PDB file of N, CA and C in Angstrom:
ATOM      1  N   MET A   1      15.972 -12.328  15.820  1.00  0.00           N
ATOM      2  CA  MET A   1      15.303 -14.380  16.413  1.00  0.00           C
ATOM      3  C   MET A   1      15.358 -15.252  15.414  1.00  0.00           C
ATOM      4  N   ALA A   2      16.569 -14.544  14.384  1.00  0.00           N
ATOM      5  CA  ALA A   2      16.719 -15.510  13.225  1.00  0.00           C
ATOM      6  C   ALA A   2      18.161 -16.285  13.386  1.00  0.00           C
ATOM      7  N   SER A   3      18.244 -17.383  13.012  1.00  0.00           N
ATOM      8  CA  SER A   3      19.924 -17.902  13.171  1.00  0.00           C
ATOM      9  C   SER A   3      20.145 -18.158  12.017  1.00  0.00           C
ATOM     10  N   ASP A   4      21.559 -18.190  12.030  1.00  0.00           N
ATOM     11  CA  ASP A   4      22.034 -18.565  10.502  1.00  0.00           C
ATOM     12  C   ASP A   4      22.270 -20.483  10.520  1.00  0.00           C
ATOM     13  N   GLY A   5      21.713 -20.638  11.500  1.00  0.00           N
ATOM     14  CA  GLY A   5      22.289 -22.800  11.271  1.00  0.00           C
ATOM     15  C   GLY A   5      20.911 -22.603  10.470  1.00  0.00           C
ATOM     16  N   MET A   6      20.823 -23.990  10.904  1.00  0.00           N
ATOM     17  CA  MET A   6      19.580 -24.773   9.787  1.00  0.00           C
ATOM     18  C   MET A   6      18.001 -24.690  10.376  1.00  0.00           C
ATOM     19  N   TRP A   7      18.391 -24.671  12.021  1.00  0.00           N
ATOM     20  CA  TRP A   7      16.875 -24.945  12.627  1.00  0.00           C
ATOM     21  C   TRP A   7      16.966 -22.905  13.655  1.00  0.00           C
ATOM     22  N   GLU A   8      15.485 -23.319  14.180  1.00  0.00           N
ATOM     23  CA  GLU A   8      15.762 -21.936  14.856  1.00  0.00           C
ATOM     24  C   GLU A   8      15.185 -22.663  15.900  1.00  0.00           C
ATOM     25  N   ILE A   9      15.282 -21.822  17.206  1.00  0.00           N
ATOM     26  CA  ILE A   9      13.771 -21.673  18.405  1.00  0.00           C
ATOM     27  C   ILE A   9      12.680 -20.678  17.921  1.00  0.00           C
ATOM     28  N   PRO A  10      11.909 -21.558  18.307  1.00  0.00           N
ATOM     29  CA  PRO A  10      10.914 -21.484  18.278  1.00  0.00           C
ATOM     30  C   PRO A  10      10.255 -19.700  19.833  1.00  0.00           C
ATOM     31  N   PRO A  11       9.156 -18.735  19.297  1.00  0.00           N
ATOM     32  CA  PRO A  11       8.743 -18.031  20.013  1.00  0.00           C
ATOM     33  C   PRO A  11       8.764 -18.779  21.249  1.00  0.00           C
ATOM     34  N   LEU A  12       9.049 -18.571  23.134  1.00  0.00           N
ATOM     35  CA  LEU A  12       8.268 -19.041  23.831  1.00  0.00           C
ATOM     36  C   LEU A  12       7.193 -18.255  24.716  1.00  0.00           C
ATOM     37  N   ASP A  13       7.251 -16.990  24.781  1.00  0.00           N
ATOM     38  CA  ASP A  13       6.332 -15.852  25.310  1.00  0.00           C
ATOM     39  C   ASP A  13       4.709 -16.027  24.600  1.00  0.00           C
ATOM     40  N   ASP A  14       4.891 -16.532  23.123  1.00  0.00           N
ATOM     41  CA  ASP A  14       3.940 -16.366  22.049  1.00  0.00           C
ATOM     42  C   ASP A  14       4.221 -14.818  21.909  1.00  0.00           C
ATOM     43  N   ALA A  15       4.865 -14.141  21.835  1.00  0.00           N
ATOM     44  CA  ALA A  15       5.125 -12.688  21.343  1.00  0.00           C
ATOM     45  C   ALA A  15       5.347 -12.666  19.587  1.00  0.00           C
ATOM     46  N   PRO A  16       4.789 -11.537  19.313  1.00  0.00           N
ATOM     47  CA  PRO A  16       4.823 -12.193  17.357  1.00  0.00           C
ATOM     48  C   PRO A  16       6.219 -11.766  17.291  1.00  0.00           C
ATOM     49  N   ASP A  17       6.648 -12.255  16.083  1.00  0.00           N
ATOM     50  CA  ASP A  17       7.640 -12.111  15.282  1.00  0.00           C
ATOM     51  C   ASP A  17       7.759 -10.763  14.574  1.00  0.00           C
ATOM     52  N   ILE A  18       8.395  -9.952  15.134  1.00  0.00           N
ATOM     53  CA  ILE A  18       8.764  -8.918  14.472  1.00  0.00           C
ATOM     54  C   ILE A  18       9.023  -8.525  13.388  1.00  0.00           C
ATOM     55  N   ALA A  19      10.414  -9.499  12.997  1.00  0.00           N
ATOM     56  CA  ALA A  19      11.438  -9.256  12.426  1.00  0.00           C
ATOM     57  C   ALA A  19      10.976 -10.007  11.025  1.00  0.00           C
ATOM     58  N   ARG A  20       9.898 -10.996  11.260  1.00  0.00           N
ATOM     59  CA  ARG A  20       9.468 -11.578   9.759  1.00  0.00           C
ATOM     60  C   ARG A  20       7.969 -11.265   9.727  1.00  0.00           C
ATOM     61  N   THR A  21       7.237  -9.697   9.751  1.00  0.00           N
ATOM     62  CA  THR A  21       5.912  -9.341  10.063  1.00  0.00           C
ATOM     63  C   THR A  21       5.400  -9.714   8.323  1.00  0.00           C
ATOM     64  N   THR A  22       4.103 -10.642   8.274  1.00  0.00           N
ATOM     65  CA  THR A  22       3.566 -10.202   6.717  1.00  0.00           C
ATOM     66  C   THR A  22       2.940  -9.062   6.475  1.00  0.00           C
ATOM     67  N   GLY A  23       2.471  -8.311   7.586  1.00  0.00           N
ATOM     68  CA  GLY A  23       2.333  -6.976   7.282  1.00  0.00           C
ATOM     69  C   GLY A  23       3.566  -5.852   6.721  1.00  0.00           C
ATOM     70  N   PRO A  24       2.211  -5.145   5.857  1.00  0.00           N
ATOM     71  CA  PRO A  24       3.503  -3.487   5.237  1.00  0.00           C
ATOM     72  C   PRO A  24       4.708  -3.134   6.047  1.00  0.00           C
ATOM     73  N   GLN A  25       6.188  -3.060   6.054  1.00  0.00           N
ATOM     74  CA  GLN A  25       6.637  -2.400   6.749  1.00  0.00           C
ATOM     75  C   GLN A  25       6.532  -0.529   6.468  1.00  0.00           C
ATOM     76  N   PRO A  26       7.183  -0.273   7.405  1.00  0.00           N
ATOM     77  CA  PRO A  26       6.777   1.599   6.823  1.00  0.00           C
ATOM     78  C   PRO A  26       7.836   1.641   5.483  1.00  0.00           C
ATOM     79  N   GLY A  27       7.746   2.604   4.648  1.00  0.00           N
ATOM     80  CA  GLY A  27       7.883   3.080   3.685  1.00  0.00           C
ATOM     81  C   GLY A  27       7.823   1.607   2.198  1.00  0.00           C
ATOM     82  N   GLU A  28       7.267   0.205   2.861  1.00  0.00           N
ATOM     83  CA  GLU A  28       7.383  -0.028   1.778  1.00  0.00           C
ATOM     84  C   GLU A  28       5.672   0.168   0.574  1.00  0.00           C
ATOM     85  N   THR A  29       4.718   0.409   1.064  1.00  0.00           N
ATOM     86  CA  THR A  29       3.939   0.985   0.110  1.00  0.00           C
ATOM     87  C   THR A  29       4.693   2.296  -0.718  1.00  0.00           C
ATOM     88  N   MET A  30       5.462   3.125  -0.509  1.00  0.00           N
ATOM     89  CA  MET A  30       6.292   4.061  -1.226  1.00  0.00           C
ATOM     90  C   MET A  30       6.745   3.061  -2.418  1.00  0.00           C
ATOM     91  N   ALA A  31       7.208   2.162  -2.130  1.00  0.00           N
ATOM     92  CA  ALA A  31       8.683   1.498  -2.813  1.00  0.00           C
ATOM     93  C   ALA A  31       7.998   0.665  -4.136  1.00  0.00           C
ATOM     94  N   ASP A  32       7.071   0.380  -3.728  1.00  0.00           N
ATOM     95  CA  ASP A  32       6.495  -0.895  -4.320  1.00  0.00           C
ATOM     96  C   ASP A  32       5.965   0.227  -6.064  1.00  0.00           C
ATOM     97  N   THR A  33       6.320  -0.302  -7.123  1.00  0.00           N
ATOM     98  CA  THR A  33       6.626   0.660  -8.117  1.00  0.00           C
ATOM     99  C   THR A  33       4.736   0.045  -8.839  1.00  0.00           C
ATOM    100  N   ARG A  34       3.933  -1.066  -7.954  1.00  0.00           N
ATOM    101  CA  ARG A  34       2.981  -1.118  -8.627  1.00  0.00           C
ATOM    102  C   ARG A  34       2.028   0.519  -7.922  1.00  0.00           C
ATOM    103  N   ASN A  35       1.899   0.850  -7.248  1.00  0.00           N
ATOM    104  CA  ASN A  35       1.699   2.048  -6.550  1.00  0.00           C
ATOM    105  C   ASN A  35       1.727   3.794  -6.886  1.00  0.00           C
ATOM    106  N   TRP A  36       2.938   3.585  -7.746  1.00  0.00           N
ATOM    107  CA  TRP A  36       3.065   4.600  -8.198  1.00  0.00           C
ATOM    108  C   TRP A  36       2.196   5.417  -9.090  1.00  0.00           C
ATOM    109  N   ALA A  37       1.602   4.260  -9.723  1.00  0.00           N
ATOM    110  CA  ALA A  37       1.019   5.259 -10.880  1.00  0.00           C
ATOM    111  C   ALA A  37      -0.596   5.801 -10.070  1.00  0.00           C
ATOM    112  N   GLY A  38      -0.921   4.991  -9.347  1.00  0.00           N
ATOM    113  CA  GLY A  38      -2.103   5.780  -8.002  1.00  0.00           C
ATOM    114  C   GLY A  38      -1.227   7.007  -7.651  1.00  0.00           C
ATOM    115  N   PHE A  39      -0.051   6.882  -6.989  1.00  0.00           N
ATOM    116  CA  PHE A  39       0.170   8.385  -6.072  1.00  0.00           C
ATOM    117  C   PHE A  39       0.245   9.140  -6.927  1.00  0.00           C
ATOM    118  N   VAL A  40       1.291   9.485  -8.161  1.00  0.00           N
ATOM    119  CA  VAL A  40       0.911  10.641  -9.567  1.00  0.00           C
ATOM    120  C   VAL A  40      -0.428  10.889  -9.931  1.00  0.00           C
ATOM    121  N   LEU A  41      -1.314   9.759  -9.863  1.00  0.00           N
ATOM    122  CA  LEU A  41      -2.521  10.349  -9.517  1.00  0.00           C
ATOM    123  C   LEU A  41      -3.331  11.775  -9.384  1.00  0.00           C
ATOM    124  N   VAL A  42      -3.033  10.684  -7.764  1.00  0.00           N
ATOM    125  CA  VAL A  42      -3.018  11.700  -6.884  1.00  0.00           C
ATOM    126  C   VAL A  42      -2.792  13.196  -6.958  1.00  0.00           C
ATOM    127  N   GLY A  43      -1.291  13.379  -7.021  1.00  0.00           N
ATOM    128  CA  GLY A  43      -0.361  14.090  -7.193  1.00  0.00           C
ATOM    129  C   GLY A  43      -0.877  15.132  -7.965  1.00  0.00           C
ATOM    130  N   ILE A  44      -1.191  14.678  -9.408  1.00  0.00           N
ATOM    131  CA  ILE A  44      -1.851  15.317  -9.965  1.00  0.00           C
ATOM    132  C   ILE A  44      -2.663  16.270  -9.924  1.00  0.00           C
ATOM    133  N   GLY A  45      -3.044  15.730  -9.262  1.00  0.00           N
ATOM    134  CA  GLY A  45      -5.015  15.877  -8.522  1.00  0.00           C
ATOM    135  C   GLY A  45      -5.260  16.770  -7.783  1.00  0.00           C
ATOM    136  N   LEU A  46      -4.142  16.695  -6.880  1.00  0.00           N
ATOM    137  CA  LEU A  46      -3.951  17.583  -5.662  1.00  0.00           C
ATOM    138  C   LEU A  46      -3.288  19.266  -6.517  1.00  0.00           C
ATOM    139  N   LEU A  47      -2.076  18.592  -7.400  1.00  0.00           N
ATOM    140  CA  LEU A  47      -1.615  20.343  -7.778  1.00  0.00           C
ATOM    141  C   LEU A  47      -2.277  20.784  -9.019  1.00  0.00           C
ATOM    142  N   THR A  48      -3.416  20.029  -9.464  1.00  0.00           N
ATOM    143  CA  THR A  48      -4.655  20.727  -9.955  1.00  0.00           C
ATOM    144  C   THR A  48      -5.447  21.315  -9.735  1.00  0.00           C
ATOM    145  N   VAL A  49      -5.437  20.562  -8.442  1.00  0.00           N
ATOM    146  CA  VAL A  49      -6.590  21.726  -7.511  1.00  0.00           C
ATOM    147  C   VAL A  49      -6.111  23.615  -7.686  1.00  0.00           C
ATOM    148  N   ILE A  50      -4.889  23.706  -7.558  1.00  0.00           N
ATOM    149  CA  ILE A  50      -4.457  25.194  -6.855  1.00  0.00           C
ATOM    150  C   ILE A  50      -4.622  26.101  -7.867  1.00  0.00           C
ATOM    151  N   PRO A  51      -4.530  25.516  -9.354  1.00  0.00           N
ATOM    152  CA  PRO A  51      -5.056  26.693 -10.864  1.00  0.00           C
ATOM    153  C   PRO A  51      -6.347  26.339 -10.739  1.00  0.00           C
ATOM    154  N   ALA A  52      -7.201  25.747 -10.288  1.00  0.00           N
ATOM    155  CA  ALA A  52      -8.806  25.721 -10.836  1.00  0.00           C
ATOM    156  C   ALA A  52      -9.305  26.609  -9.334  1.00  0.00           C
ATOM    157  N   VAL A  53      -8.488  27.036  -8.253  1.00  0.00           N
ATOM    158  CA  VAL A  53      -9.070  27.581  -6.973  1.00  0.00           C
ATOM    159  C   VAL A  53      -8.102  28.848  -7.472  1.00  0.00           C
ATOM    160  N   ALA A  54      -7.417  29.284  -7.972  1.00  0.00           N
ATOM    161  CA  ALA A  54      -7.067  30.763  -8.553  1.00  0.00           C
ATOM    162  C   ALA A  54      -7.801  30.784  -9.700  1.00  0.00           C
ATOM    163  N   LEU A  55      -8.424  29.696 -10.844  1.00  0.00           N
ATOM    164  CA  LEU A  55      -8.945  30.538 -12.178  1.00  0.00           C
ATOM    165  C   LEU A  55      -9.739  31.322 -11.607  1.00  0.00           C
ATOM    166  N   ALA A  56     -10.868  30.694 -10.518  1.00  0.00           N
ATOM    167  CA  ALA A  56     -12.241  30.344  -9.882  1.00  0.00           C
ATOM    168  C   ALA A  56     -11.869  32.045  -9.080  1.00  0.00           C
ATOM    169  N   ALA A  57     -10.991  32.312  -8.483  1.00  0.00           N
ATOM    170  CA  ALA A  57     -10.942  33.784  -8.120  1.00  0.00           C
ATOM    171  C   ALA A  57     -10.848  34.499  -9.169  1.00  0.00           C
ATOM    172  N   LEU A  58      -9.914  34.518  -9.952  1.00  0.00           N
ATOM    173  CA  LEU A  58     -10.057  35.444 -10.592  1.00  0.00           C
ATOM    174  C   LEU A  58     -11.045  35.436 -11.949  1.00  0.00           C
ATOM    175  N   GLY A  59     -12.122  34.903 -11.636  1.00  0.00           N
ATOM    176  CA  GLY A  59     -13.273  35.087 -12.464  1.00  0.00           C
ATOM    177  C   GLY A  59     -13.452  34.629 -13.945  1.00  0.00           C
ATOM    178  N   VAL A  60     -12.599  33.171 -14.502  1.00  0.00           N
ATOM    179  CA  VAL A  60     -12.669  33.102 -15.298  1.00  0.00           C
ATOM    180  C   VAL A  60     -12.870  31.535 -15.271  1.00  0.00           C
ATOM    181  N   GLN A  61     -14.023  31.027 -15.242  1.00  0.00           N
ATOM    182  CA  GLN A  61     -15.794  30.441 -14.740  1.00  0.00           C
ATOM    183  C   GLN A  61     -15.663  28.863 -15.725  1.00  0.00           C
ATOM    184  N   GLY A  62     -15.415  29.470 -17.325  1.00  0.00           N
ATOM    185  CA  GLY A  62     -15.417  28.236 -17.752  1.00  0.00           C
ATOM    186  C   GLY A  62     -14.209  27.233 -17.394  1.00  0.00           C
ATOM    187  N   TRP A  63     -12.880  27.941 -17.662  1.00  0.00           N
ATOM    188  CA  TRP A  63     -11.554  27.293 -17.434  1.00  0.00           C
ATOM    189  C   TRP A  63     -11.650  27.043 -15.672  1.00  0.00           C
ATOM    190  N   ALA A  64     -12.038  27.577 -14.778  1.00  0.00           N
ATOM    191  CA  ALA A  64     -11.967  26.788 -13.312  1.00  0.00           C
ATOM    192  C   ALA A  64     -12.429  25.545 -13.461  1.00  0.00           C
ATOM    193  N   LEU A  65     -13.686  25.534 -14.269  1.00  0.00           N
ATOM    194  CA  LEU A  65     -14.646  24.179 -14.218  1.00  0.00           C
ATOM    195  C   LEU A  65     -13.815  23.292 -14.812  1.00  0.00           C
ATOM    196  N   LEU A  66     -13.264  23.437 -16.413  1.00  0.00           N
ATOM    197  CA  LEU A  66     -12.405  22.660 -16.261  1.00  0.00           C
ATOM    198  C   LEU A  66     -11.563  21.477 -16.066  1.00  0.00           C
ATOM    199  N   VAL A  67     -10.332  23.118 -15.295  1.00  0.00           N
ATOM    200  CA  VAL A  67      -9.478  22.638 -15.038  1.00  0.00           C
ATOM    201  C   VAL A  67      -9.672  21.148 -13.413  1.00  0.00           C
ATOM    202  N   ALA A  68     -10.830  21.902 -12.750  1.00  0.00           N
ATOM    203  CA  ALA A  68     -11.534  21.217 -11.387  1.00  0.00           C
ATOM    204  C   ALA A  68     -12.025  19.841 -11.860  1.00  0.00           C
ATOM    205  N   VAL A  69     -12.415  20.107 -12.727  1.00  0.00           N
ATOM    206  CA  VAL A  69     -13.124  18.574 -13.815  1.00  0.00           C
ATOM    207  C   VAL A  69     -11.373  17.511 -13.534  1.00  0.00           C
ATOM    208  N   ILE A  70     -10.668  17.908 -14.493  1.00  0.00           N
ATOM    209  CA  ILE A  70      -9.489  17.236 -14.783  1.00  0.00           C
ATOM    210  C   ILE A  70      -8.676  16.772 -13.617  1.00  0.00           C
ATOM    211  N   ALA A  71      -9.088  17.615 -12.315  1.00  0.00           N
ATOM    212  CA  ALA A  71      -8.643  17.708 -10.651  1.00  0.00           C
ATOM    213  C   ALA A  71      -9.505  16.435  -9.933  1.00  0.00           C
ATOM    214  N   CYS A  72     -11.030  16.943 -10.293  1.00  0.00           N
ATOM    215  CA  CYS A  72     -11.705  15.620  -9.929  1.00  0.00           C
ATOM    216  C   CYS A  72     -11.618  13.816 -10.640  1.00  0.00           C
ATOM    217  N   VAL A  73     -11.376  14.187 -11.614  1.00  0.00           N
ATOM    218  CA  VAL A  73     -10.780  12.687 -12.294  1.00  0.00           C
ATOM    219  C   VAL A  73      -9.395  11.946 -11.596  1.00  0.00           C
ATOM    220  N   ALA A  74      -8.699  12.694 -11.954  1.00  0.00           N
ATOM    221  CA  ALA A  74      -7.580  12.515 -11.208  1.00  0.00           C
ATOM    222  C   ALA A  74      -6.963  12.238 -10.056  1.00  0.00           C
ATOM    223  N   LEU A  75      -7.875  12.494  -9.306  1.00  0.00           N
ATOM    224  CA  LEU A  75      -8.078  12.460  -7.804  1.00  0.00           C
ATOM    225  C   LEU A  75      -8.378  10.834  -7.152  1.00  0.00           C
ATOM    226  N   SER A  76      -9.754  10.716  -8.394  1.00  0.00           N
ATOM    227  CA  SER A  76     -10.673   9.960  -8.186  1.00  0.00           C
ATOM    228  C   SER A  76      -9.854   8.418  -8.831  1.00  0.00           C
ATOM    229  N   THR A  77      -9.371   8.897  -9.543  1.00  0.00           N
ATOM    230  CA  THR A  77      -8.436   7.618 -10.379  1.00  0.00           C
ATOM    231  C   THR A  77      -7.421   7.099  -9.462  1.00  0.00           C
ATOM    232  N   GLY A  78      -6.523   8.038  -9.163  1.00  0.00           N
ATOM    233  CA  GLY A  78      -5.512   7.820  -8.608  1.00  0.00           C
ATOM    234  C   GLY A  78      -6.149   7.009  -7.036  1.00  0.00           C
ATOM    235  N   ALA A  79      -7.171   7.613  -6.659  1.00  0.00           N
ATOM    236  CA  ALA A  79      -7.979   6.784  -5.231  1.00  0.00           C
ATOM    237  C   ALA A  79      -7.788   5.308  -5.477  1.00  0.00           C
ATOM    238  N   ALA A  80      -8.617   5.311  -6.443  1.00  0.00           N
ATOM    239  CA  ALA A  80      -9.541   4.009  -6.765  1.00  0.00           C
ATOM    240  C   ALA A  80      -8.012   3.335  -7.803  1.00  0.00           C
ATOM    241  N   LEU A  81      -6.967   3.703  -7.968  1.00  0.00           N
ATOM    242  CA  LEU A  81      -5.929   2.458  -8.054  1.00  0.00           C
ATOM    243  C   LEU A  81      -5.517   1.843  -6.993  1.00  0.00           C
ATOM    244  N   LEU A  82      -5.404   2.831  -5.620  1.00  0.00           N
ATOM    245  CA  LEU A  82      -4.359   2.964  -4.249  1.00  0.00           C
ATOM    246  C   LEU A  82      -5.099   2.004  -4.097  1.00  0.00           C
ATOM    247  N   VAL A  83      -6.431   1.725  -3.742  1.00  0.00           N
ATOM    248  CA  VAL A  83      -7.620   0.585  -3.304  1.00  0.00           C
ATOM    249  C   VAL A  83      -7.561  -0.265  -3.900  1.00  0.00           C
ATOM    250  N   PHE A  84      -7.910  -0.612  -5.252  1.00  0.00           N
ATOM    251  CA  PHE A  84      -7.572  -1.837  -5.776  1.00  0.00           C
ATOM    252  C   PHE A  84      -6.277  -2.694  -5.460  1.00  0.00           C
ATOM    253  N   GLN A  85      -5.513  -1.786  -6.120  1.00  0.00           N
ATOM    254  CA  GLN A  85      -3.688  -2.315  -5.312  1.00  0.00           C
ATOM    255  C   GLN A  85      -4.008  -3.075  -4.074  1.00  0.00           C
ATOM    256  N   TRP A  86      -4.570  -1.939  -3.104  1.00  0.00           N
ATOM    257  CA  TRP A  86      -4.276  -2.285  -1.344  1.00  0.00           C
ATOM    258  C   TRP A  86      -5.527  -3.531  -1.442  1.00  0.00           C
ATOM    259  N   ARG A  87      -6.635  -3.738  -1.790  1.00  0.00           N
ATOM    260  CA  ARG A  87      -6.994  -5.287  -1.894  1.00  0.00           C
ATOM    261  C   ARG A  87      -6.719  -6.309  -2.632  1.00  0.00           C
ATOM    262  N   ASN A  88      -6.282  -6.326  -4.135  1.00  0.00           N
ATOM    263  CA  ASN A  88      -5.133  -7.161  -4.485  1.00  0.00           C
ATOM    264  C   ASN A  88      -4.249  -7.182  -3.698  1.00  0.00           C
ATOM    265  N   GLN A  89      -3.520  -6.623  -3.203  1.00  0.00           N
ATOM    266  CA  GLN A  89      -2.304  -6.822  -2.587  1.00  0.00           C
ATOM    267  C   GLN A  89      -3.177  -7.429  -0.865  1.00  0.00           C
ATOM    268  N   ARG A  90      -4.268  -7.386  -0.418  1.00  0.00           N
ATOM    269  CA  ARG A  90      -4.513  -8.309   0.340  1.00  0.00           C
ATOM    270  C   ARG A  90      -5.299  -9.453   0.628  1.00  0.00           C
ATOM    271  N   ALA A  91      -5.624  -9.974  -0.834  1.00  0.00           N
ATOM    272  CA  ALA A  91      -6.028 -11.005  -1.162  1.00  0.00           C
ATOM    273  C   ALA A  91      -4.657 -12.172  -1.556  1.00  0.00           C
ATOM    274  N   ARG A  92      -3.926 -11.438  -1.925  1.00  0.00           N
ATOM    275  CA  ARG A  92      -2.790 -12.324  -2.630  1.00  0.00           C
ATOM    276  C   ARG A  92      -2.020 -13.030  -1.131  1.00  0.00           C
ATOM    277  N   GLN A  93      -2.403 -11.946  -0.056  1.00  0.00           N
ATOM    278  CA  GLN A  93      -1.024 -12.407   1.304  1.00  0.00           C
ATOM    279  C   GLN A  93      -2.664 -13.430   2.219  1.00  0.00           C
ATOM    280  N   GLN A  94      -3.404 -13.330   1.734  1.00  0.00           N
ATOM    281  CA  GLN A  94      -4.175 -14.070   2.630  1.00  0.00           C
ATOM    282  C   GLN A  94      -4.421 -15.323   1.332  1.00  0.00           C
ATOM    283  N   ARG A  95      -3.982 -15.411   0.167  1.00  0.00           N
ATOM    284  CA  ARG A  95      -4.388 -17.182  -0.148  1.00  0.00           C
ATOM    285  C   ARG A  95      -2.903 -17.444  -0.199  1.00  0.00           C
ATOM    286  N   SER A  96      -1.575 -16.412  -0.314  1.00  0.00           N
ATOM    287  CA  SER A  96      -0.696 -17.320   0.848  1.00  0.00           C
ATOM    288  C   SER A  96      -1.041 -17.686   2.439  1.00  0.00           C
ATOM    289  N   SER A  97      -0.970 -17.004   3.240  1.00  0.00           N
ATOM    290  CA  SER A  97      -1.508 -17.707   4.185  1.00  0.00           C
ATOM    291  C   SER A  97      -2.429 -18.923   4.846  1.00  0.00           C
ATOM    292  N   ALA A  98      -3.774 -18.589   3.568  1.00  0.00           N
ATOM    293  CA  ALA A  98      -4.315 -20.091   3.362  1.00  0.00           C
ATOM    294  C   ALA A  98      -3.350 -21.738   3.277  1.00  0.00           C
ATOM    295  N   ASP A  99      -1.764 -21.212   2.535  1.00  0.00           N
ATOM    296  CA  ASP A  99      -1.493 -22.326   1.943  1.00  0.00           C
ATOM    297  C   ASP A  99      -0.237 -23.131   3.166  1.00  0.00           C
ATOM    298  N   GLU A 100      -0.659 -21.454   4.329  1.00  0.00           N
ATOM    299  CA  GLU A 100       0.385 -21.764   4.941  1.00  0.00           C
ATOM    300  C   GLU A 100      -0.502 -22.250   6.844  1.00  0.00           C
ATOM    301  N   PRO A 101      -1.002 -23.177   6.723  1.00  0.00           N
ATOM    302  CA  PRO A 101      -1.971 -24.302   7.851  1.00  0.00           C
ATOM    303  C   PRO A 101      -1.053 -24.030   9.409  1.00  0.00           C
ATOM    304  N   TYR A 102      -0.067 -23.780   9.400  1.00  0.00           N
ATOM    305  CA  TYR A 102       0.940 -23.599  10.676  1.00  0.00           C
ATOM    306  C   TYR A 102       1.867 -22.376  11.041  1.00  0.00           C
ATOM    307  N   ALA A 103       1.830 -21.987  11.892  1.00  0.00           N
ATOM    308  CA  ALA A 103       3.236 -20.704  12.361  1.00  0.00           C
ATOM    309  C   ALA A 103       4.309 -21.094  11.908  1.00  0.00           C
ATOM    310  N   ALA A 104       4.438 -20.139  10.961  1.00  0.00           N
ATOM    311  CA  ALA A 104       6.239 -19.919  10.156  1.00  0.00           C
ATOM    312  C   ALA A 104       6.866 -20.590  10.658  1.00  0.00           C
ATOM    313  N   TRP A 105       7.818 -20.695  12.250  1.00  0.00           N
ATOM    314  CA  TRP A 105       8.527 -20.938  13.310  1.00  0.00           C
ATOM    315  C   TRP A 105       8.132 -22.380  12.815  1.00  0.00           C
ATOM    316  N   GLN A 106       6.874 -22.831  12.807  1.00  0.00           N
ATOM    317  CA  GLN A 106       6.934 -24.839  13.122  1.00  0.00           C
ATOM    318  C   GLN A 106       8.062 -25.554  12.369  1.00  0.00           C
ATOM    319  N   ALA A 107       8.283 -25.196  11.138  1.00  0.00           N
ATOM    320  CA  ALA A 107       8.303 -25.493  10.286  1.00  0.00           C
ATOM    321  C   ALA A 107      10.400 -25.415  10.392  1.00  0.00           C
ATOM    322  N   SER A 108      10.422 -24.863  11.172  1.00  0.00           N
ATOM    323  CA  SER A 108      12.558 -25.193  10.941  1.00  0.00           C
ATOM    324  C   SER A 108      12.571 -25.523  12.307  1.00  0.00           C
ATOM    325  N   VAL A 109      11.563 -25.716  12.888  1.00  0.00           N
ATOM    326  CA  VAL A 109      12.020 -26.394  14.504  1.00  0.00           C
ATOM    327  C   VAL A 109      11.979 -27.824  14.192  1.00  0.00           C
ATOM    328  N   PRO A 110      13.549 -29.072  14.749  1.00  0.00           N
ATOM    329  CA  PRO A 110      13.571 -29.844  14.705  1.00  0.00           C
ATOM    330  C   PRO A 110      12.844 -30.931  15.722  1.00  0.00           C
ATOM    331  N   PRO A 111      12.351 -31.888  14.800  1.00  0.00           N
ATOM    332  CA  PRO A 111      11.403 -33.035  15.280  1.00  0.00           C
ATOM    333  C   PRO A 111      11.839 -33.175  16.193  1.00  0.00           C
ATOM    334  N   SER A 112      11.108 -33.250  17.789  1.00  0.00           N
ATOM    335  CA  SER A 112      11.670 -34.081  19.148  1.00  0.00           C
ATOM    336  C   SER A 112      11.946 -35.698  19.058  1.00  0.00           C
TER     337      SER A 112
END
């Protein structure tokens, strides 16, 4: 749909322009470095569940409880960071779309 020239033809069938969508593209969430802290904490939480279960199976209740608490804290903190970042990004997108009262292609179509 994009053109190399100055003007662009608008979509005639009211189809969505998938080339310039405002939603997240596949892999965009992982590529965004602001999400990495949340993903690392969730990963640490998931990896810490394994030793907690193993320690509980071995009968070391004190250490199992400590490691389980660490896993819960890491999982909940990581999930909270991801949710807060997602809400922040969504709010930024809504603010930017509020600044644009017309469709994106309308700005590039020459007046007739």
